[in-house]
Protein backbone atom coordinates (compact mmCIF):
# COMPACT_ATOMS: atom_id res chain seq x y z
CA MET A 1 -6.60 -11.64 -13.74
CA ARG A 2 -7.54 -13.57 -10.59
CA ILE A 3 -8.13 -11.18 -7.96
CA ALA A 4 -8.75 -12.89 -3.95
CA VAL A 5 -10.63 -9.83 -1.75
CA ASP A 6 -10.81 -10.60 1.99
CA ALA A 7 -14.33 -9.50 2.35
CA MET A 8 -13.96 -9.69 5.95
CA GLY A 9 -11.28 -7.28 6.78
CA GLY A 10 -11.45 -3.43 7.35
CA ASP A 11 -13.99 -0.92 9.33
CA PHE A 12 -16.88 -1.35 6.78
CA ALA A 13 -16.58 -5.02 5.85
CA PRO A 14 -18.58 -6.87 4.27
CA GLN A 15 -20.74 -3.72 2.84
CA GLU A 16 -18.11 -1.82 1.31
CA ILE A 17 -15.61 -4.43 0.49
CA VAL A 18 -18.40 -6.58 -1.60
CA LYS A 19 -19.39 -3.02 -3.39
CA GLY A 20 -16.00 -2.02 -4.23
CA ALA A 21 -15.42 -5.99 -5.71
CA LEU A 22 -18.91 -5.57 -7.47
CA LYS A 23 -17.63 -2.14 -9.16
CA ALA A 24 -14.14 -3.77 -9.89
CA ALA A 25 -15.97 -6.47 -11.70
CA ARG A 26 -18.56 -4.45 -13.68
CA GLU A 27 -15.66 -1.84 -14.97
CA LEU A 28 -12.50 -3.58 -15.41
CA PRO A 29 -12.18 -5.84 -18.06
CA SER A 30 -8.90 -7.38 -17.20
CA VAL A 31 -10.10 -8.64 -14.09
CA THR A 32 -11.49 -12.27 -15.19
CA ARG A 33 -12.02 -13.39 -11.40
CA ILE A 34 -12.61 -11.85 -8.08
CA TYR A 35 -13.02 -14.45 -4.88
CA LEU A 36 -14.72 -12.92 -2.11
CA VAL A 37 -13.50 -14.71 0.85
CA GLY A 38 -15.53 -14.60 4.09
CA ASP A 39 -18.55 -15.77 5.77
CA GLU A 40 -20.68 -16.83 3.01
CA SER A 41 -23.73 -15.35 4.30
CA ALA A 42 -22.82 -12.16 5.20
CA ILE A 43 -21.53 -11.80 1.62
CA ARG A 44 -24.66 -13.07 -0.22
CA ALA A 45 -26.58 -10.75 2.18
CA GLU A 46 -24.50 -7.89 0.39
CA LEU A 47 -24.37 -9.31 -3.08
CA GLY A 48 -28.12 -9.60 -3.10
CA PRO A 49 -30.16 -11.91 -5.74
CA GLU A 50 -29.68 -9.64 -8.43
CA ASN A 51 -25.71 -10.10 -8.15
CA ALA A 52 -25.44 -13.59 -7.13
CA GLN A 53 -24.89 -14.83 -10.47
CA ASN A 54 -22.35 -12.72 -11.68
CA GLU A 55 -19.92 -15.08 -13.19
CA LYS A 56 -16.90 -13.06 -12.14
CA LEU A 57 -17.72 -13.55 -8.42
CA GLU A 58 -16.97 -16.44 -6.47
CA ILE A 59 -17.53 -16.73 -2.93
CA VAL A 60 -14.80 -18.77 -0.69
CA HIS A 61 -16.22 -19.34 2.76
CA ALA A 62 -13.92 -19.07 5.59
CA THR A 63 -15.36 -19.08 9.18
CA GLU A 64 -12.96 -16.44 11.56
CA ILE A 65 -12.18 -12.96 11.19
CA VAL A 66 -8.93 -11.55 12.87
CA GLY A 67 -9.63 -8.40 14.47
CA MET A 68 -7.64 -5.45 13.62
CA ASP A 69 -6.79 -5.19 17.68
CA GLU A 70 -5.13 -8.79 17.32
CA ALA A 71 -1.11 -9.63 17.53
CA PRO A 72 -1.17 -10.55 14.20
CA ALA A 73 1.31 -13.87 13.98
CA GLN A 74 -0.96 -14.84 17.13
CA ALA A 75 -4.15 -14.43 15.14
CA VAL A 76 -2.46 -16.10 11.74
CA ARG A 77 -1.56 -18.85 13.38
CA ARG A 78 -4.34 -19.77 15.80
CA LYS A 79 -6.96 -18.64 12.96
CA LYS A 80 -6.51 -20.87 10.59
CA ASP A 81 -9.91 -20.41 8.64
CA SER A 82 -9.38 -16.58 8.76
CA SER A 83 -10.64 -14.71 5.40
CA ILE A 84 -7.06 -13.05 5.65
CA GLY A 85 -5.42 -16.72 5.28
CA ARG A 86 -7.69 -18.51 2.78
CA ALA A 87 -7.17 -15.08 0.87
CA VAL A 88 -3.45 -15.25 0.46
CA ASP A 89 -3.88 -19.25 0.30
CA LEU A 90 -5.46 -18.67 -2.93
CA VAL A 91 -2.71 -17.05 -4.16
CA LYS A 92 -0.37 -19.54 -3.20
CA ALA A 93 -1.95 -22.29 -4.62
CA GLY A 94 -1.99 -20.60 -7.69
CA ARG A 95 -5.96 -19.97 -8.00
CA ALA A 96 -5.87 -16.26 -7.66
CA ASP A 97 -3.01 -13.77 -9.41
CA ALA A 98 -3.32 -11.03 -6.07
CA VAL A 99 -4.66 -10.41 -3.02
CA VAL A 100 -6.33 -7.45 -1.30
CA SER A 101 -7.36 -6.72 2.29
CA ALA A 102 -8.18 -3.86 4.08
CA GLY A 103 -7.74 -5.80 7.60
CA ASN A 104 -5.26 -6.12 10.32
CA THR A 105 -2.30 -4.93 8.44
CA GLY A 106 0.06 -7.07 10.14
CA ALA A 107 -2.00 -10.13 9.96
CA VAL A 108 -1.49 -9.43 6.31
CA VAL A 109 2.30 -9.01 6.21
CA VAL A 110 2.24 -12.38 8.28
CA ALA A 111 0.23 -14.40 6.63
CA ALA A 112 1.86 -12.99 2.82
CA THR A 113 5.37 -13.61 4.33
CA LEU A 114 4.61 -17.17 5.68
CA LYS A 115 2.51 -18.19 3.11
CA LEU A 116 3.90 -17.20 -0.32
CA ARG A 117 7.93 -16.35 1.18
CA THR A 118 10.04 -13.55 -0.19
CA LEU A 119 11.05 -13.41 -3.37
CA GLU A 120 14.70 -14.08 -4.18
CA GLY A 121 17.58 -12.23 -3.02
CA VAL A 122 14.93 -10.01 -0.86
CA ASP A 123 15.04 -10.45 2.94
CA ARG A 124 12.15 -8.94 4.03
CA PRO A 125 8.85 -7.03 2.23
CA ALA A 126 8.10 -3.83 2.85
CA ILE A 127 4.97 -1.58 2.58
CA ALA A 128 4.81 0.99 -0.21
CA ALA A 129 2.75 3.89 0.30
CA VAL A 130 2.04 6.60 -1.83
CA LEU A 131 2.06 10.27 -0.47
CA PRO A 132 1.01 13.74 -2.42
CA THR A 133 3.54 16.49 -2.96
CA GLN A 134 3.56 20.21 -4.42
CA LYS A 135 4.69 18.13 -7.60
CA GLN A 136 4.14 14.51 -8.57
CA PRO A 137 3.16 11.38 -5.89
CA ILE A 138 6.34 9.93 -4.20
CA VAL A 139 6.80 6.14 -2.44
CA LEU A 140 7.03 5.96 1.14
CA ILE A 141 8.86 2.60 2.09
CA ASP A 142 8.61 1.05 3.97
CA ALA A 143 5.27 1.88 5.92
CA GLY A 144 4.94 0.01 8.40
CA ALA A 145 6.01 -3.91 7.96
CA ASN A 146 9.51 -3.84 9.33
CA THR A 147 10.38 -1.72 12.78
CA ASP A 148 14.01 -3.07 13.15
CA CYS A 149 16.08 -2.92 9.98
CA THR A 150 19.22 -3.62 8.54
CA PRO A 151 21.24 -0.81 5.87
CA LYS A 152 21.06 -4.32 3.67
CA MET A 153 16.99 -4.26 4.31
CA LEU A 154 16.87 -0.76 3.48
CA GLY A 155 19.02 -1.03 0.10
CA HIS A 156 16.46 -3.85 -0.62
CA PHE A 157 12.87 -1.50 0.03
CA ALA A 158 15.10 1.44 -2.20
CA ALA A 159 15.06 -1.02 -5.08
CA MET A 160 11.74 -2.14 -4.75
CA GLY A 161 10.05 1.06 -4.46
CA SER A 162 12.27 2.37 -7.52
CA VAL A 163 10.29 -0.55 -9.48
CA TYR A 164 7.38 0.69 -8.18
CA SER A 165 7.81 3.93 -9.01
CA ARG A 166 8.79 3.43 -12.57
CA MET A 167 6.55 1.04 -13.62
CA ILE A 168 3.29 2.30 -11.79
CA MET A 169 4.12 5.71 -11.15
CA HIS A 170 5.72 5.99 -14.43
CA ALA A 171 8.85 7.83 -13.00
CA GLU A 172 11.53 7.21 -15.68
CA ASN A 173 14.44 7.41 -13.73
CA PRO A 174 13.38 7.13 -9.79
CA VAL A 175 15.46 9.62 -6.84
CA VAL A 176 15.60 7.83 -4.38
CA GLY A 177 16.40 9.68 -0.71
CA LEU A 178 17.06 8.44 2.59
CA VAL A 179 15.07 10.35 5.52
CA SER A 180 17.45 11.35 8.04
CA ILE A 181 17.25 14.35 10.06
CA GLY A 182 19.46 16.63 7.59
CA GLY A 183 21.11 16.15 4.47
CA GLU A 184 24.81 15.93 4.91
CA ASP A 185 25.96 12.49 5.18
CA ILE A 186 27.13 13.12 8.38
CA LYS A 187 23.63 13.45 9.83
CA GLY A 188 21.56 10.74 11.26
CA ASN A 189 22.10 8.03 13.75
CA GLU A 190 24.42 4.95 13.14
CA PHE A 191 21.73 2.96 11.22
CA THR A 192 21.59 5.90 8.25
CA LYS A 193 25.19 6.56 8.25
CA GLU A 194 25.60 3.25 7.34
CA THR A 195 22.80 2.71 5.36
CA PHE A 196 23.80 5.92 3.38
CA LYS A 197 27.38 4.33 2.35
CA PHE A 198 24.93 0.96 1.21
CA LEU A 199 22.72 3.47 -1.09
CA GLU A 200 25.77 5.33 -2.56
CA ARG A 201 27.46 2.18 -3.74
CA SER A 202 24.16 1.12 -4.94
CA PRO A 203 23.17 1.39 -8.85
CA LEU A 204 19.87 3.37 -7.85
CA ASN A 205 19.69 7.16 -8.43
CA PHE A 206 20.79 7.92 -5.08
CA LYS A 207 20.52 11.89 -4.12
CA GLY A 208 21.37 11.11 -0.32
CA ASN A 209 19.67 12.16 3.14
CA VAL A 210 16.18 14.08 2.63
CA GLU A 211 14.39 15.45 6.14
CA GLY A 212 10.64 15.74 6.60
CA HIS A 213 10.09 18.75 4.75
CA ASP A 214 11.78 17.43 1.66
CA ILE A 215 9.26 14.49 1.53
CA PHE A 216 6.27 16.75 0.71
CA GLU A 217 8.45 18.91 -1.66
CA GLY A 218 8.44 16.39 -4.22
CA ASP A 219 12.25 16.46 -5.47
CA MET A 220 12.48 12.83 -4.91
CA ASP A 221 10.19 9.90 -6.25
CA VAL A 222 11.07 7.32 -3.26
CA ALA A 223 11.58 8.16 0.69
CA VAL A 224 13.00 5.12 2.40
CA CYS A 225 13.42 4.33 5.63
CA ASP A 226 12.54 1.44 8.24
CA GLY A 227 8.73 0.64 8.88
CA PHE A 228 8.68 2.50 12.22
CA VAL A 229 9.71 5.85 11.21
CA GLY A 230 7.66 5.29 7.69
CA ASN A 231 4.64 4.60 9.53
CA ILE A 232 4.82 7.91 11.86
CA ILE A 233 5.18 9.58 8.69
CA LEU A 234 2.37 8.37 7.37
CA LYS A 235 0.03 8.26 10.52
CA THR A 236 1.16 12.24 10.58
CA ALA A 237 0.31 13.09 7.27
CA GLU A 238 -2.97 11.68 7.23
CA SER A 239 -3.50 13.11 10.32
CA VAL A 240 -2.73 16.33 9.42
CA SER A 241 -4.97 16.38 5.77
CA HIS A 242 -7.68 15.31 8.81
CA ALA A 243 -6.79 18.36 10.61
CA MET A 244 -6.29 20.87 8.17
CA ALA A 245 -9.88 20.09 6.49
CA HIS A 246 -11.40 20.60 9.94
CA TRP A 247 -9.68 23.91 10.03
CA MET A 248 -10.37 25.19 6.73
CA LYS A 249 -14.50 24.39 7.51
CA ARG A 250 -14.28 25.91 10.90
CA GLU A 251 -12.98 29.04 9.58
CA PHE A 252 -14.76 29.21 6.37
CA VAL A 253 -18.46 29.59 8.13
CA LYS A 254 -17.43 32.12 10.70
CA THR A 255 -18.37 35.12 8.73
CA PRO A 256 -20.87 35.66 5.49
CA ILE A 257 -17.85 37.10 3.53
CA ARG A 258 -15.79 33.70 4.15
CA MET A 259 -19.04 31.65 3.44
CA PHE A 260 -19.48 33.50 -0.11
CA GLY A 261 -15.61 33.15 -1.04
CA ALA A 262 -15.78 29.36 0.45
CA ALA A 263 -18.50 28.85 -2.56
CA ILE A 264 -16.27 30.51 -4.86
CA LEU A 265 -13.61 28.21 -4.15
CA LYS A 266 -15.27 25.14 -4.04
CA GLY A 267 -14.05 23.55 -7.69
CA ALA A 268 -10.78 24.47 -6.01
CA PHE A 269 -10.56 22.22 -2.72
CA ARG A 270 -12.84 19.62 -4.75
CA ASP A 271 -9.51 19.46 -6.72
CA MET A 272 -7.05 19.62 -3.62
CA LYS A 273 -9.23 16.89 -1.90
CA LYS A 274 -8.88 14.49 -4.61
CA THR A 275 -5.24 15.50 -4.75
CA MET A 276 -4.74 14.55 -0.77
CA ASP A 277 -6.86 11.24 -1.50
CA PRO A 278 -5.09 8.19 -0.43
CA GLU A 279 -8.06 6.03 -2.09
CA MET A 280 -6.93 6.98 -5.62
CA HIS A 281 -3.77 4.71 -5.25
CA GLY A 282 -5.51 1.37 -4.36
CA GLY A 283 -3.88 1.32 -1.00
CA ALA A 284 -0.10 -0.05 0.07
CA LEU A 285 1.64 -2.87 -2.06
CA LEU A 286 3.49 -5.37 0.07
CA LEU A 287 6.38 -5.44 -1.78
CA GLY A 288 9.16 -8.22 -1.84
CA VAL A 289 6.64 -11.23 -1.39
CA ASN A 290 5.90 -14.03 -3.95
CA GLY A 291 2.81 -12.27 -5.27
CA VAL A 292 0.87 -9.30 -5.57
CA CYS A 293 -0.53 -8.25 -2.00
CA ILE A 294 -1.98 -4.91 -1.63
CA ILE A 295 -3.36 -3.77 1.91
CA THR A 296 -5.96 -0.84 2.08
CA HIS A 297 -6.68 1.26 5.08
CA GLY A 298 -8.99 -0.27 7.76
CA ALA A 299 -11.42 2.07 6.89
CA SER A 300 -11.59 1.90 2.98
CA SER A 301 -14.72 2.50 0.76
CA GLU A 302 -16.10 0.91 -2.31
CA ARG A 303 -13.99 3.46 -4.01
CA ALA A 304 -10.63 2.29 -2.29
CA ILE A 305 -11.67 -1.31 -2.93
CA PHE A 306 -12.02 -1.03 -6.00
CA HIS A 307 -8.80 1.13 -6.83
CA ALA A 308 -6.96 -1.99 -4.85
CA VAL A 309 -8.35 -4.51 -7.39
CA ARG A 310 -7.38 -1.96 -10.01
CA VAL A 311 -3.72 -1.61 -8.84
CA ALA A 312 -3.23 -5.51 -8.30
CA ALA A 313 -4.53 -6.41 -11.87
CA GLU A 314 -2.10 -3.65 -13.26
CA SER A 315 0.84 -4.89 -10.93
CA VAL A 316 0.52 -8.53 -12.30
CA GLU A 317 -0.19 -7.27 -15.95
CA LEU A 318 3.00 -5.53 -15.70
CA ASP A 319 5.66 -8.59 -13.76
CA LEU A 320 6.16 -6.12 -11.32
CA ASN A 321 7.80 -9.16 -9.40
CA ASN A 322 10.00 -9.77 -11.95
CA ALA A 323 11.68 -6.59 -12.04
CA ILE A 324 11.99 -6.39 -8.48
CA VAL A 325 14.24 -9.68 -8.41
CA GLU A 326 16.16 -8.00 -11.36
CA ARG A 327 16.86 -4.94 -9.72
CA VAL A 328 17.24 -6.26 -5.79
CA ALA A 329 19.92 -8.73 -7.49
CA ALA A 330 21.83 -5.29 -9.30
CA VAL A 331 21.75 -4.21 -6.08
CA ASN A 332 23.23 -7.14 -4.24
CA GLY A 333 25.91 -7.47 -6.87
CA ALA A 334 26.82 -3.58 -6.59
CA ILE A 335 27.48 -4.10 -2.70
CA SER A 336 28.98 -7.62 -3.06
CA GLU A 337 31.45 -6.73 -5.48
């Protein structure tokens, strides 16, 4: 597999990005080539002389960087030689099979959509994020690519999320829930009510409406919503996780007895942190574009980039996009009958 990595995207680029790419080159036999896209001098400085001759790595020079605070569409169109744009270009040209970026999420979505186009039958791509629950991890889709959607678009999101859940998360018959404000089909706004009817007629394993608390109970495999709601859910979950860690540290050091108890439970806390760690899932896939595209957190570490490359290679190997085209076609066919 050939993976293009945006070496200049993210809060800790290019240091952590290059480290993660190096780890992937060493430990993932299926990855035959990693393109490190960005400022060549900065990338070579991070590689060092001992890694400069690694035959799996190739530097693709790009002179511009899309900042995290830039307007995505304008930046992509204006900065023709950005590391994000050039990385996506490698996939478009057939030189790479997938692209990984920790850069500006909107810019990655715009670049991938404009340059790669959407898969057959798919109206808009969507971001699929993985959330931990009381049971198995679930797929949240859309997690931020589309703020204004139609019921048909959510039907496509649900189909794409189901394929991801089945092929990557290994759910046998993924259960789909529609995020709303009540479990009954009469609850929600007009948009969610129409989406409910759409999903009800689809061939998907649709369980109906789900509320916020249902998401983390883990009785479904895919939670579908528009990108506005999905991004709020994702960011809220991340902030609650950080707040819980802060509260626990503060409370466990208040007395010697609590400190002793914390020492005993250290292994349990470590396992819980691992369960809640989003870096283990390799970032979020942008599903629905004609190529494999993974968007990782802006604060991605070496480990996050490594797992992003791993999931990218796995997605290509499993032919995820072909399965998405087939599933979306089935949904479109059922609705048009």
